[in-house]
PDB file of N, CA and C in Angstrom:
ATOM      1  N   MET A   1     -74.335  52.879  42.602  1.00  0.00           N
ATOM      2  CA  MET A   1     -73.143  52.640  41.813  1.00  0.00           C
ATOM      3  C   MET A   1     -72.472  51.376  42.329  1.00  0.00           C
ATOM      4  N   LYS A   2     -72.174  50.442  41.425  1.00  0.00           N
ATOM      5  CA  LYS A   2     -71.559  49.177  41.800  1.00  0.00           C
ATOM      6  C   LYS A   2     -70.200  49.043  41.115  1.00  0.00           C
ATOM      7  N   THR A   3     -69.182  48.697  41.884  1.00  0.00           N
ATOM      8  CA  THR A   3     -67.848  48.482  41.351  1.00  0.00           C
ATOM      9  C   THR A   3     -67.763  47.080  40.750  1.00  0.00           C
ATOM     10  N   ILE A   4     -67.177  46.996  39.567  1.00  0.00           N
ATOM     11  CA  ILE A   4     -66.993  45.712  38.877  1.00  0.00           C
ATOM     12  C   ILE A   4     -65.492  45.431  38.785  1.00  0.00           C
ATOM     13  N   ASN A   5     -65.087  44.286  39.284  1.00  0.00           N
ATOM     14  CA  ASN A   5     -63.693  43.847  39.198  1.00  0.00           C
ATOM     15  C   ASN A   5     -63.665  42.369  38.853  1.00  0.00           C
ATOM     16  N   THR A   6     -62.673  41.981  38.065  1.00  0.00           N
ATOM     17  CA  THR A   6     -62.486  40.578  37.712  1.00  0.00           C
ATOM     18  C   THR A   6     -61.005  40.247  37.656  1.00  0.00           C
ATOM     19  N   LYS A   7     -60.671  39.032  38.003  1.00  0.00           N
ATOM     20  CA  LYS A   7     -59.291  38.557  37.883  1.00  0.00           C
ATOM     21  C   LYS A   7     -58.997  38.112  36.446  1.00  0.00           C
ATOM     22  N   LYS A   8     -60.016  38.135  35.588  1.00  0.00           N
ATOM     23  CA  LYS A   8     -59.841  37.736  34.193  1.00  0.00           C
ATOM     24  C   LYS A   8     -59.340  38.884  33.320  1.00  0.00           C
ATOM     25  N   ALA A   9     -59.098  40.045  33.941  1.00  0.00           N
ATOM     26  CA  ALA A   9     -58.515  41.206  33.267  1.00  0.00           C
ATOM     27  C   ALA A   9     -57.447  41.759  34.204  1.00  0.00           C
ATOM     28  N   PRO A  10     -56.474  42.499  33.662  1.00  0.00           N
ATOM     29  CA  PRO A  10     -55.432  43.056  34.536  1.00  0.00           C
ATOM     30  C   PRO A  10     -56.026  43.967  35.612  1.00  0.00           C
ATOM     31  N   ALA A  11     -55.415  43.945  36.777  1.00  0.00           N
ATOM     32  CA  ALA A  11     -55.842  44.820  37.872  1.00  0.00           C
ATOM     33  C   ALA A  11     -55.605  46.279  37.482  1.00  0.00           C
ATOM     34  N   ALA A  12     -56.401  47.165  38.038  1.00  0.00           N
ATOM     35  CA  ALA A  12     -56.221  48.595  37.819  1.00  0.00           C
ATOM     36  C   ALA A  12     -54.840  49.005  38.317  1.00  0.00           C
ATOM     37  N   ILE A  13     -54.178  49.913  37.600  1.00  0.00           N
ATOM     38  CA  ILE A  13     -52.845  50.348  37.998  1.00  0.00           C
ATOM     39  C   ILE A  13     -52.877  51.714  38.686  1.00  0.00           C
ATOM     40  N   GLY A  14     -54.049  52.104  39.128  1.00  0.00           N
ATOM     41  CA  GLY A  14     -54.198  53.385  39.802  1.00  0.00           C
ATOM     42  C   GLY A  14     -55.459  53.390  40.640  1.00  0.00           C
ATOM     43  N   PRO A  15     -55.845  54.566  41.111  1.00  0.00           N
ATOM     44  CA  PRO A  15     -57.028  54.681  41.974  1.00  0.00           C
ATOM     45  C   PRO A  15     -58.331  54.741  41.185  1.00  0.00           C
ATOM     46  N   TYR A  16     -58.638  53.647  40.507  1.00  0.00           N
ATOM     47  CA  TYR A  16     -59.876  53.551  39.725  1.00  0.00           C
ATOM     48  C   TYR A  16     -60.320  52.096  39.691  1.00  0.00           C
ATOM     49  N   SER A  17     -61.522  51.867  39.219  1.00  0.00           N
ATOM     50  CA  SER A  17     -62.087  50.522  39.113  1.00  0.00           C
ATOM     51  C   SER A  17     -62.007  50.041  37.668  1.00  0.00           C
ATOM     52  N   GLN A  18     -61.991  48.723  37.489  1.00  0.00           N
ATOM     53  CA  GLN A  18     -62.039  48.181  36.132  1.00  0.00           C
ATOM     54  C   GLN A  18     -63.342  48.583  35.456  1.00  0.00           C
ATOM     55  N   GLY A  19     -64.408  48.630  36.231  1.00  0.00           N
ATOM     56  CA  GLY A  19     -65.694  49.031  35.683  1.00  0.00           C
ATOM     57  C   GLY A  19     -66.612  49.550  36.770  1.00  0.00           C
ATOM     58  N   ILE A  20     -67.561  50.359  36.361  1.00  0.00           N
ATOM     59  CA  ILE A  20     -68.595  50.898  37.262  1.00  0.00           C
ATOM     60  C   ILE A  20     -69.945  50.692  36.594  1.00  0.00           C
ATOM     61  N   MET A  21     -70.856  50.052  37.331  1.00  0.00           N
ATOM     62  CA  MET A  21     -72.229  49.853  36.850  1.00  0.00           C
ATOM     63  C   MET A  21     -73.110  50.874  37.549  1.00  0.00           C
ATOM     64  N   LYS A  22     -73.800  51.681  36.786  1.00  0.00           N
ATOM     65  CA  LYS A  22     -74.741  52.667  37.318  1.00  0.00           C
ATOM     66  C   LYS A  22     -76.054  52.453  36.592  1.00  0.00           C
ATOM     67  N   GLY A  23     -77.056  51.981  37.329  1.00  0.00           N
ATOM     68  CA  GLY A  23     -78.317  51.628  36.685  1.00  0.00           C
ATOM     69  C   GLY A  23     -78.079  50.457  35.751  1.00  0.00           C
ATOM     70  N   ASN A  24     -78.447  50.628  34.485  1.00  0.00           N
ATOM     71  CA  ASN A  24     -78.229  49.558  33.518  1.00  0.00           C
ATOM     72  C   ASN A  24     -77.030  49.830  32.607  1.00  0.00           C
ATOM     73  N   THR A  25     -76.204  50.813  32.977  1.00  0.00           N
ATOM     74  CA  THR A  25     -75.059  51.204  32.152  1.00  0.00           C
ATOM     75  C   THR A  25     -73.745  50.845  32.834  1.00  0.00           C
ATOM     76  N   LEU A  26     -72.856  50.214  32.082  1.00  0.00           N
ATOM     77  CA  LEU A  26     -71.531  49.844  32.558  1.00  0.00           C
ATOM     78  C   LEU A  26     -70.492  50.703  31.861  1.00  0.00           C
ATOM     79  N   TYR A  27     -69.615  51.288  32.648  1.00  0.00           N
ATOM     80  CA  TYR A  27     -68.498  52.074  32.139  1.00  0.00           C
ATOM     81  C   TYR A  27     -67.224  51.290  32.425  1.00  0.00           C
ATOM     82  N   VAL A  28     -66.553  50.827  31.379  1.00  0.00           N
ATOM     83  CA  VAL A  28     -65.338  50.040  31.538  1.00  0.00           C
ATOM     84  C   VAL A  28     -64.136  50.951  31.336  1.00  0.00           C
ATOM     85  N   SER A  29     -63.255  50.967  32.336  1.00  0.00           N
ATOM     86  CA  SER A  29     -62.025  51.760  32.253  1.00  0.00           C
ATOM     87  C   SER A  29     -61.138  51.240  31.127  1.00  0.00           C
ATOM     88  N   GLY A  30     -60.246  52.092  30.669  1.00  0.00           N
ATOM     89  CA  GLY A  30     -59.316  51.710  29.614  1.00  0.00           C
ATOM     90  C   GLY A  30     -58.550  50.450  29.977  1.00  0.00           C
ATOM     91  N   GLN A  31     -58.562  49.505  29.069  1.00  0.00           N
ATOM     92  CA  GLN A  31     -57.867  48.234  29.266  1.00  0.00           C
ATOM     93  C   GLN A  31     -56.615  48.214  28.410  1.00  0.00           C
ATOM     94  N   LEU A  32     -55.517  47.830  29.047  1.00  0.00           N
ATOM     95  CA  LEU A  32     -54.224  47.790  28.382  1.00  0.00           C
ATOM     96  C   LEU A  32     -53.977  46.408  27.783  1.00  0.00           C
ATOM     97  N   PRO A  33     -53.008  46.307  26.879  1.00  0.00           N
ATOM     98  CA  PRO A  33     -52.682  45.012  26.283  1.00  0.00           C
ATOM     99  C   PRO A  33     -51.781  44.185  27.205  1.00  0.00           C
ATOM    100  N   LEU A  34     -52.353  43.820  28.328  1.00  0.00           N
ATOM    101  CA  LEU A  34     -51.677  42.986  29.319  1.00  0.00           C
ATOM    102  C   LEU A  34     -52.517  41.752  29.561  1.00  0.00           C
ATOM    103  N   GLU A  35     -51.884  40.609  29.638  1.00  0.00           N
ATOM    104  CA  GLU A  35     -52.600  39.420  30.064  1.00  0.00           C
ATOM    105  C   GLU A  35     -52.792  39.536  31.565  1.00  0.00           C
ATOM    106  N   PRO A  36     -53.890  39.034  32.105  1.00  0.00           N
ATOM    107  CA  PRO A  36     -54.104  39.109  33.555  1.00  0.00           C
ATOM    108  C   PRO A  36     -52.899  38.539  34.310  1.00  0.00           C
ATOM    109  N   GLY A  37     -52.388  39.300  35.262  1.00  0.00           N
ATOM    110  CA  GLY A  37     -51.252  38.883  36.065  1.00  0.00           C
ATOM    111  C   GLY A  37     -49.891  39.189  35.457  1.00  0.00           C
ATOM    112  N   ALA A  38     -49.850  39.640  34.212  1.00  0.00           N
ATOM    113  CA  ALA A  38     -48.581  39.949  33.543  1.00  0.00           C
ATOM    114  C   ALA A  38     -48.210  41.414  33.751  1.00  0.00           C
ATOM    115  N   ASP A  39     -46.918  41.694  33.679  1.00  0.00           N
ATOM    116  CA  ASP A  39     -46.427  43.070  33.808  1.00  0.00           C
ATOM    117  C   ASP A  39     -45.933  43.647  32.491  1.00  0.00           C
ATOM    118  N   THR A  40     -45.637  42.782  31.533  1.00  0.00           N
ATOM    119  CA  THR A  40     -45.066  43.230  30.266  1.00  0.00           C
ATOM    120  C   THR A  40     -46.156  43.366  29.208  1.00  0.00           C
ATOM    121  N   PRO A  41     -46.349  44.587  28.698  1.00  0.00           N
ATOM    122  CA  PRO A  41     -47.376  44.799  27.675  1.00  0.00           C
ATOM    123  C   PRO A  41     -47.034  44.105  26.360  1.00  0.00           C
ATOM    124  N   ILE A  42     -48.058  43.713  25.628  1.00  0.00           N
ATOM    125  CA  ILE A  42     -47.909  43.154  24.283  1.00  0.00           C
ATOM    126  C   ILE A  42     -47.654  44.320  23.333  1.00  0.00           C
ATOM    127  N   GLU A  43     -46.639  44.199  22.489  1.00  0.00           N
ATOM    128  CA  GLU A  43     -46.260  45.287  21.579  1.00  0.00           C
ATOM    129  C   GLU A  43     -46.854  45.146  20.182  1.00  0.00           C
ATOM    130  N   ASP A  44     -47.023  43.926  19.686  1.00  0.00           N
ATOM    131  CA  ASP A  44     -47.590  43.718  18.355  1.00  0.00           C
ATOM    132  C   ASP A  44     -49.011  44.270  18.332  1.00  0.00           C
ATOM    133  N   ILE A  45     -49.304  45.184  17.407  1.00  0.00           N
ATOM    134  CA  ILE A  45     -50.582  45.898  17.437  1.00  0.00           C
ATOM    135  C   ILE A  45     -51.784  44.962  17.303  1.00  0.00           C
ATOM    136  N   LYS A  46     -51.682  43.937  16.491  1.00  0.00           N
ATOM    137  CA  LYS A  46     -52.810  43.016  16.348  1.00  0.00           C
ATOM    138  C   LYS A  46     -53.044  42.222  17.629  1.00  0.00           C
ATOM    139  N   LYS A  47     -51.987  41.658  18.174  1.00  0.00           N
ATOM    140  CA  LYS A  47     -52.110  40.897  19.421  1.00  0.00           C
ATOM    141  C   LYS A  47     -52.515  41.809  20.570  1.00  0.00           C
ATOM    142  N   ALA A  48     -51.979  43.025  20.585  1.00  0.00           N
ATOM    143  CA  ALA A  48     -52.302  43.991  21.638  1.00  0.00           C
ATOM    144  C   ALA A  48     -53.773  44.401  21.565  1.00  0.00           C
ATOM    145  N   SER A  49     -54.263  44.635  20.347  1.00  0.00           N
ATOM    146  CA  SER A  49     -55.670  45.019  20.160  1.00  0.00           C
ATOM    147  C   SER A  49     -56.583  43.908  20.656  1.00  0.00           C
ATOM    148  N   ARG A  50     -56.253  42.685  20.291  1.00  0.00           N
ATOM    149  CA  ARG A  50     -57.073  41.534  20.706  1.00  0.00           C
ATOM    150  C   ARG A  50     -57.081  41.397  22.223  1.00  0.00           C
ATOM    151  N   GLN A  51     -55.912  41.567  22.867  1.00  0.00           N
ATOM    152  CA  GLN A  51     -55.847  41.426  24.321  1.00  0.00           C
ATOM    153  C   GLN A  51     -56.652  42.521  25.006  1.00  0.00           C
ATOM    154  N   CYS A  52     -56.576  43.748  24.512  1.00  0.00           N
ATOM    155  CA  CYS A  52     -57.382  44.839  25.082  1.00  0.00           C
ATOM    156  C   CYS A  52     -58.869  44.499  24.986  1.00  0.00           C
ATOM    157  N   LEU A  53     -59.300  44.027  23.840  1.00  0.00           N
ATOM    158  CA  LEU A  53     -60.711  43.687  23.649  1.00  0.00           C
ATOM    159  C   LEU A  53     -61.129  42.524  24.548  1.00  0.00           C
ATOM    160  N   GLU A  54     -60.273  41.534  24.702  1.00  0.00           N
ATOM    161  CA  GLU A  54     -60.576  40.412  25.608  1.00  0.00           C
ATOM    162  C   GLU A  54     -60.685  40.908  27.046  1.00  0.00           C
ATOM    163  N   ASN A  55     -59.832  41.846  27.427  1.00  0.00           N
ATOM    164  CA  ASN A  55     -59.891  42.408  28.781  1.00  0.00           C
ATOM    165  C   ASN A  55     -61.168  43.211  28.989  1.00  0.00           C
ATOM    166  N   VAL A  56     -61.548  43.999  27.985  1.00  0.00           N
ATOM    167  CA  VAL A  56     -62.813  44.745  28.043  1.00  0.00           C
ATOM    168  C   VAL A  56     -63.969  43.763  28.230  1.00  0.00           C
ATOM    169  N   LEU A  57     -63.983  42.708  27.420  1.00  0.00           N
ATOM    170  CA  LEU A  57     -65.070  41.734  27.478  1.00  0.00           C
ATOM    171  C   LEU A  57     -65.104  41.013  28.827  1.00  0.00           C
ATOM    172  N   ALA A  58     -63.955  40.769  29.430  1.00  0.00           N
ATOM    173  CA  ALA A  58     -63.925  40.120  30.748  1.00  0.00           C
ATOM    174  C   ALA A  58     -64.643  40.975  31.788  1.00  0.00           C
ATOM    175  N   VAL A  59     -64.449  42.290  31.729  1.00  0.00           N
ATOM    176  CA  VAL A  59     -65.124  43.198  32.667  1.00  0.00           C
ATOM    177  C   VAL A  59     -66.614  43.242  32.351  1.00  0.00           C
ATOM    178  N   VAL A  60     -66.951  43.317  31.070  1.00  0.00           N
ATOM    179  CA  VAL A  60     -68.355  43.322  30.636  1.00  0.00           C
ATOM    180  C   VAL A  60     -69.063  42.054  31.137  1.00  0.00           C
ATOM    181  N   ASN A  61     -68.440  40.913  30.927  1.00  0.00           N
ATOM    182  CA  ASN A  61     -69.033  39.639  31.364  1.00  0.00           C
ATOM    183  C   ASN A  61     -69.158  39.563  32.881  1.00  0.00           C
ATOM    184  N   GLU A  62     -68.188  40.088  33.600  1.00  0.00           N
ATOM    185  CA  GLU A  62     -68.243  40.082  35.070  1.00  0.00           C
ATOM    186  C   GLU A  62     -69.458  40.862  35.569  1.00  0.00           C
ATOM    187  N   ALA A  63     -69.857  41.872  34.813  1.00  0.00           N
ATOM    188  CA  ALA A  63     -71.034  42.675  35.176  1.00  0.00           C
ATOM    189  C   ALA A  63     -72.340  42.004  34.758  1.00  0.00           C
ATOM    190  N   GLY A  64     -72.252  40.831  34.123  1.00  0.00           N
ATOM    191  CA  GLY A  64     -73.450  40.126  33.689  1.00  0.00           C
ATOM    192  C   GLY A  64     -73.948  40.556  32.325  1.00  0.00           C
ATOM    193  N   LEU A  65     -73.118  41.229  31.564  1.00  0.00           N
ATOM    194  CA  LEU A  65     -73.476  41.679  30.224  1.00  0.00           C
ATOM    195  C   LEU A  65     -72.708  40.880  29.188  1.00  0.00           C
ATOM    196  N   GLU A  66     -73.073  41.058  27.932  1.00  0.00           N
ATOM    197  CA  GLU A  66     -72.452  40.345  26.814  1.00  0.00           C
ATOM    198  C   GLU A  66     -71.826  41.331  25.839  1.00  0.00           C
ATOM    199  N   LYS A  67     -71.047  40.797  24.928  1.00  0.00           N
ATOM    200  CA  LYS A  67     -70.396  41.618  23.902  1.00  0.00           C
ATOM    201  C   LYS A  67     -71.419  42.494  23.173  1.00  0.00           C
ATOM    202  N   GLU A  68     -72.593  41.927  22.882  1.00  0.00           N
ATOM    203  CA  GLU A  68     -73.622  42.664  22.141  1.00  0.00           C
ATOM    204  C   GLU A  68     -74.226  43.819  22.936  1.00  0.00           C
ATOM    205  N   ASP A  69     -73.931  43.906  24.230  1.00  0.00           N
ATOM    206  CA  ASP A  69     -74.394  45.028  25.058  1.00  0.00           C
ATOM    207  C   ASP A  69     -73.463  46.232  24.971  1.00  0.00           C
ATOM    208  N   ILE A  70     -72.292  46.049  24.359  1.00  0.00           N
ATOM    209  CA  ILE A  70     -71.346  47.162  24.207  1.00  0.00           C
ATOM    210  C   ILE A  70     -71.898  48.123  23.162  1.00  0.00           C
ATOM    211  N   VAL A  71     -72.054  49.390  23.569  1.00  0.00           N
ATOM    212  CA  VAL A  71     -72.633  50.380  22.657  1.00  0.00           C
ATOM    213  C   VAL A  71     -71.599  51.380  22.128  1.00  0.00           C
ATOM    214  N   ARG A  72     -70.460  51.497  22.818  1.00  0.00           N
ATOM    215  CA  ARG A  72     -69.432  52.443  22.385  1.00  0.00           C
ATOM    216  C   ARG A  72     -68.071  51.987  22.875  1.00  0.00           C
ATOM    217  N   CYS A  73     -67.065  52.157  22.022  1.00  0.00           N
ATOM    218  CA  CYS A  73     -65.676  51.897  22.410  1.00  0.00           C
ATOM    219  C   CYS A  73     -64.845  53.144  22.147  1.00  0.00           C
ATOM    220  N   GLY A  74     -63.877  53.354  22.993  1.00  0.00           N
ATOM    221  CA  GLY A  74     -62.867  54.387  22.780  1.00  0.00           C
ATOM    222  C   GLY A  74     -61.540  53.685  22.544  1.00  0.00           C
ATOM    223  N   ILE A  75     -60.871  54.040  21.463  1.00  0.00           N
ATOM    224  CA  ILE A  75     -59.596  53.435  21.102  1.00  0.00           C
ATOM    225  C   ILE A  75     -58.537  54.529  21.176  1.00  0.00           C
ATOM    226  N   PHE A  76     -57.499  54.274  21.931  1.00  0.00           N
ATOM    227  CA  PHE A  76     -56.396  55.223  22.072  1.00  0.00           C
ATOM    228  C   PHE A  76     -55.140  54.508  21.585  1.00  0.00           C
ATOM    229  N   MET A  77     -54.521  55.057  20.530  1.00  0.00           N
ATOM    230  CA  MET A  77     -53.374  54.395  19.913  1.00  0.00           C
ATOM    231  C   MET A  77     -52.153  55.304  19.913  1.00  0.00           C
ATOM    232  N   ARG A  78     -51.003  54.702  20.097  1.00  0.00           N
ATOM    233  CA  ARG A  78     -49.751  55.455  20.019  1.00  0.00           C
ATOM    234  C   ARG A  78     -49.517  55.932  18.585  1.00  0.00           C
ATOM    235  N   ASP A  79     -49.919  55.118  17.604  1.00  0.00           N
ATOM    236  CA  ASP A  79     -49.652  55.427  16.204  1.00  0.00           C
ATOM    237  C   ASP A  79     -50.869  55.069  15.349  1.00  0.00           C
ATOM    238  N   LEU A  80     -51.597  56.085  14.898  1.00  0.00           N
ATOM    239  CA  LEU A  80     -52.762  55.823  14.044  1.00  0.00           C
ATOM    240  C   LEU A  80     -52.369  55.254  12.682  1.00  0.00           C
ATOM    241  N   GLY A  81     -51.083  55.246  12.386  1.00  0.00           N
ATOM    242  CA  GLY A  81     -50.600  54.588  11.182  1.00  0.00           C
ATOM    243  C   GLY A  81     -50.856  53.087  11.240  1.00  0.00           C
ATOM    244  N   GLN A  82     -51.113  52.552  12.431  1.00  0.00           N
ATOM    245  CA  GLN A  82     -51.413  51.135  12.607  1.00  0.00           C
ATOM    246  C   GLN A  82     -52.921  50.889  12.713  1.00  0.00           C
ATOM    247  N   PHE A  83     -53.709  51.887  12.346  1.00  0.00           N
ATOM    248  CA  PHE A  83     -55.162  51.800  12.441  1.00  0.00           C
ATOM    249  C   PHE A  83     -55.710  50.605  11.670  1.00  0.00           C
ATOM    250  N   GLY A  84     -55.219  50.374  10.478  1.00  0.00           N
ATOM    251  CA  GLY A  84     -55.722  49.286   9.648  1.00  0.00           C
ATOM    252  C   GLY A  84     -55.574  47.928  10.318  1.00  0.00           C
ATOM    253  N   ALA A  85     -54.431  47.684  10.933  1.00  0.00           N
ATOM    254  CA  ALA A  85     -54.190  46.412  11.623  1.00  0.00           C
ATOM    255  C   ALA A  85     -55.118  46.271  12.824  1.00  0.00           C
ATOM    256  N   MET A  86     -55.279  47.350  13.590  1.00  0.00           N
ATOM    257  CA  MET A  86     -56.184  47.329  14.737  1.00  0.00           C
ATOM    258  C   MET A  86     -57.611  47.103  14.265  1.00  0.00           C
ATOM    259  N   ASN A  87     -58.006  47.790  13.214  1.00  0.00           N
ATOM    260  CA  ASN A  87     -59.373  47.722  12.711  1.00  0.00           C
ATOM    261  C   ASN A  87     -59.719  46.312  12.229  1.00  0.00           C
ATOM    262  N   GLU A  88     -58.750  45.612  11.670  1.00  0.00           N
ATOM    263  CA  GLU A  88     -58.943  44.234  11.233  1.00  0.00           C
ATOM    264  C   GLU A  88     -59.306  43.340  12.425  1.00  0.00           C
ATOM    265  N   VAL A  89     -58.574  43.486  13.515  1.00  0.00           N
ATOM    266  CA  VAL A  89     -58.829  42.707  14.732  1.00  0.00           C
ATOM    267  C   VAL A  89     -60.176  43.104  15.332  1.00  0.00           C
ATOM    268  N   TYR A  90     -60.444  44.402  15.384  1.00  0.00           N
ATOM    269  CA  TYR A  90     -61.697  44.929  15.937  1.00  0.00           C
ATOM    270  C   TYR A  90     -62.894  44.367  15.171  1.00  0.00           C
ATOM    271  N   ALA A  91     -62.815  44.395  13.838  1.00  0.00           N
ATOM    272  CA  ALA A  91     -63.913  43.894  12.995  1.00  0.00           C
ATOM    273  C   ALA A  91     -64.135  42.401  13.235  1.00  0.00           C
ATOM    274  N   ASP A  92     -63.055  41.636  13.349  1.00  0.00           N
ATOM    275  CA  ASP A  92     -63.167  40.205  13.615  1.00  0.00           C
ATOM    276  C   ASP A  92     -63.779  39.951  14.990  1.00  0.00           C
ATOM    277  N   PHE A  93     -63.368  40.727  15.982  1.00  0.00           N
ATOM    278  CA  PHE A  93     -63.847  40.553  17.358  1.00  0.00           C
ATOM    279  C   PHE A  93     -65.349  40.820  17.464  1.00  0.00           C
ATOM    280  N   PHE A  94     -65.820  41.891  16.853  1.00  0.00           N
ATOM    281  CA  PHE A  94     -67.225  42.281  16.984  1.00  0.00           C
ATOM    282  C   PHE A  94     -68.136  41.660  15.927  1.00  0.00           C
ATOM    283  N   GLY A  95     -67.602  41.225  14.806  1.00  0.00           N
ATOM    284  CA  GLY A  95     -68.446  40.616  13.768  1.00  0.00           C
ATOM    285  C   GLY A  95     -69.525  41.571  13.298  1.00  0.00           C
ATOM    286  N   ASP A  96     -70.779  41.102  13.293  1.00  0.00           N
ATOM    287  CA  ASP A  96     -71.902  41.920  12.815  1.00  0.00           C
ATOM    288  C   ASP A  96     -72.331  42.997  13.808  1.00  0.00           C
ATOM    289  N   HIS A  97     -71.890  42.886  15.057  1.00  0.00           N
ATOM    290  CA  HIS A  97     -72.200  43.898  16.073  1.00  0.00           C
ATOM    291  C   HIS A  97     -71.229  45.058  15.883  1.00  0.00           C
ATOM    292  N   LYS A  98     -71.752  46.246  15.712  1.00  0.00           N
ATOM    293  CA  LYS A  98     -70.896  47.394  15.411  1.00  0.00           C
ATOM    294  C   LYS A  98     -71.174  48.554  16.363  1.00  0.00           C
ATOM    295  N   PRO A  99     -70.520  48.550  17.552  1.00  0.00           N
ATOM    296  CA  PRO A  99     -70.710  49.660  18.488  1.00  0.00           C
ATOM    297  C   PRO A  99     -70.185  50.971  17.896  1.00  0.00           C
ATOM    298  N   ALA A 100     -70.695  52.077  18.396  1.00  0.00           N
ATOM    299  CA  ALA A 100     -70.119  53.374  18.042  1.00  0.00           C
ATOM    300  C   ALA A 100     -68.675  53.376  18.518  1.00  0.00           C
ATOM    301  N   ARG A 101     -67.828  54.216  17.902  1.00  0.00           N
ATOM    302  CA  ARG A 101     -66.413  54.162  18.247  1.00  0.00           C
ATOM    303  C   ARG A 101     -65.731  55.482  17.946  1.00  0.00           C
ATOM    304  N   ALA A 102     -64.711  55.776  18.730  1.00  0.00           N
ATOM    305  CA  ALA A 102     -63.796  56.873  18.446  1.00  0.00           C
ATOM    306  C   ALA A 102     -62.391  56.299  18.514  1.00  0.00           C
ATOM    307  N   ALA A 103     -61.523  56.713  17.610  1.00  0.00           N
ATOM    308  CA  ALA A 103     -60.125  56.299  17.630  1.00  0.00           C
ATOM    309  C   ALA A 103     -59.258  57.548  17.653  1.00  0.00           C
ATOM    310  N   ILE A 104     -58.390  57.595  18.627  1.00  0.00           N
ATOM    311  CA  ILE A 104     -57.587  58.797  18.863  1.00  0.00           C
ATOM    312  C   ILE A 104     -56.125  58.411  18.985  1.00  0.00           C
ATOM    313  N   GLU A 105     -55.246  59.188  18.349  1.00  0.00           N
ATOM    314  CA  GLU A 105     -53.812  58.989  18.546  1.00  0.00           C
ATOM    315  C   GLU A 105     -53.403  59.737  19.806  1.00  0.00           C
ATOM    316  N   ALA A 106     -52.713  59.038  20.672  1.00  0.00           N
ATOM    317  CA  ALA A 106     -52.245  59.625  21.931  1.00  0.00           C
ATOM    318  C   ALA A 106     -50.725  59.507  21.980  1.00  0.00           C
ATOM    319  N   GLN A 107     -50.089  60.597  22.269  1.00  0.00           N
ATOM    320  CA  GLN A 107     -48.632  60.602  22.268  1.00  0.00           C
ATOM    321  C   GLN A 107     -48.044  59.600  23.257  1.00  0.00           C
ATOM    322  N   ARG A 108     -48.690  59.475  24.407  1.00  0.00           N
ATOM    323  CA  ARG A 108     -48.186  58.547  25.405  1.00  0.00           C
ATOM    324  C   ARG A 108     -49.346  57.960  26.188  1.00  0.00           C
ATOM    325  N   LEU A 109     -49.297  56.649  26.412  1.00  0.00           N
ATOM    326  CA  LEU A 109     -50.328  55.930  27.159  1.00  0.00           C
ATOM    327  C   LEU A 109     -49.688  55.288  28.383  1.00  0.00           C
ATOM    328  N   PRO A 110     -50.505  54.880  29.375  1.00  0.00           N
ATOM    329  CA  PRO A 110     -49.944  54.241  30.565  1.00  0.00           C
ATOM    330  C   PRO A 110     -49.060  53.044  30.188  1.00  0.00           C
ATOM    331  N   LYS A 111     -47.959  52.902  30.894  1.00  0.00           N
ATOM    332  CA  LYS A 111     -46.991  51.815  30.669  1.00  0.00           C
ATOM    333  C   LYS A 111     -46.418  51.840  29.259  1.00  0.00           C
ATOM    334  N   ASP A 112     -46.559  52.981  28.577  1.00  0.00           N
ATOM    335  CA  ASP A 112     -46.058  53.147  27.202  1.00  0.00           C
ATOM    336  C   ASP A 112     -46.604  52.087  26.240  1.00  0.00           C
ATOM    337  N   VAL A 113     -47.853  51.693  26.427  1.00  0.00           N
ATOM    338  CA  VAL A 113     -48.464  50.678  25.562  1.00  0.00           C
ATOM    339  C   VAL A 113     -48.772  51.245  24.186  1.00  0.00           C
ATOM    340  N   VAL A 114     -49.014  50.349  23.235  1.00  0.00           N
ATOM    341  CA  VAL A 114     -49.328  50.771  21.872  1.00  0.00           C
ATOM    342  C   VAL A 114     -50.808  51.085  21.685  1.00  0.00           C
ATOM    343  N   ILE A 115     -51.652  50.579  22.605  1.00  0.00           N
ATOM    344  CA  ILE A 115     -53.102  50.766  22.483  1.00  0.00           C
ATOM    345  C   ILE A 115     -53.772  50.605  23.835  1.00  0.00           C
ATOM    346  N   GLU A 116     -54.878  51.295  24.011  1.00  0.00           N
ATOM    347  CA  GLU A 116     -55.747  51.164  25.185  1.00  0.00           C
ATOM    348  C   GLU A 116     -57.183  51.276  24.680  1.00  0.00           C
ATOM    349  N   ILE A 117     -58.068  50.433  25.229  1.00  0.00           N
ATOM    350  CA  ILE A 117     -59.474  50.436  24.785  1.00  0.00           C
ATOM    351  C   ILE A 117     -60.394  50.475  25.995  1.00  0.00           C
ATOM    352  N   ASP A 118     -61.394  51.364  25.951  1.00  0.00           N
ATOM    353  CA  ASP A 118     -62.437  51.402  26.976  1.00  0.00           C
ATOM    354  C   ASP A 118     -63.786  51.191  26.301  1.00  0.00           C
ATOM    355  N   CYS A 119     -64.845  51.090  27.097  1.00  0.00           N
ATOM    356  CA  CYS A 119     -66.159  50.940  26.474  1.00  0.00           C
ATOM    357  C   CYS A 119     -67.273  51.338  27.436  1.00  0.00           C
ATOM    358  N   ILE A 120     -68.434  51.495  26.847  1.00  0.00           N
ATOM    359  CA  ILE A 120     -69.689  51.666  27.582  1.00  0.00           C
ATOM    360  C   ILE A 120     -70.607  50.561  27.087  1.00  0.00           C
ATOM    361  N   ALA A 121     -71.250  49.870  28.030  1.00  0.00           N
ATOM    362  CA  ALA A 121     -72.200  48.814  27.685  1.00  0.00           C
ATOM    363  C   ALA A 121     -73.506  49.088  28.426  1.00  0.00           C
ATOM    364  N   VAL A 122     -74.615  48.707  27.807  1.00  0.00           N
ATOM    365  CA  VAL A 122     -75.930  48.945  28.389  1.00  0.00           C
ATOM    366  C   VAL A 122     -76.695  47.628  28.422  1.00  0.00           C
ATOM    367  N   LYS A 123     -77.210  47.298  29.607  1.00  0.00           N
ATOM    368  CA  LYS A 123     -77.985  46.066  29.776  1.00  0.00           C
ATOM    369  C   LYS A 123     -79.415  46.310  29.327  1.00  0.00           C
ATOM    370  N   GLY A 124     -79.919  45.368  28.513  1.00  0.00           N
ATOM    371  CA  GLY A 124     -81.313  45.455  28.118  1.00  0.00           C
ATOM    372  C   GLY A 124     -81.578  46.079  26.822  1.00  0.00           C
TER     373      GLY A 124
END
């Protein structure tokens, strides 16, 4: 098991790693809509969704993988009423690559953010 950390994504806010590589599989912890080094979360759902995805990709890239290696994403949203706006950003980010996905409304997320995104990526 190899720990993956990058300064190109926000530091973990608890006792966990940004990512764990086991064999050829990478498990990326939930990424918040924070710019690296920032403390204030992005509230606009479109901008927040994009920042979460960029943070996920930073961890994926640090592990030596690419966006196309992402096989599944988990989306946790404060308000699924904003699903359409998030989905627009998600579709633009991934283009023709379409990982499996689950989207769940969560009453409360860390730092009271509007969205959190995690993923699983597989090398090869």
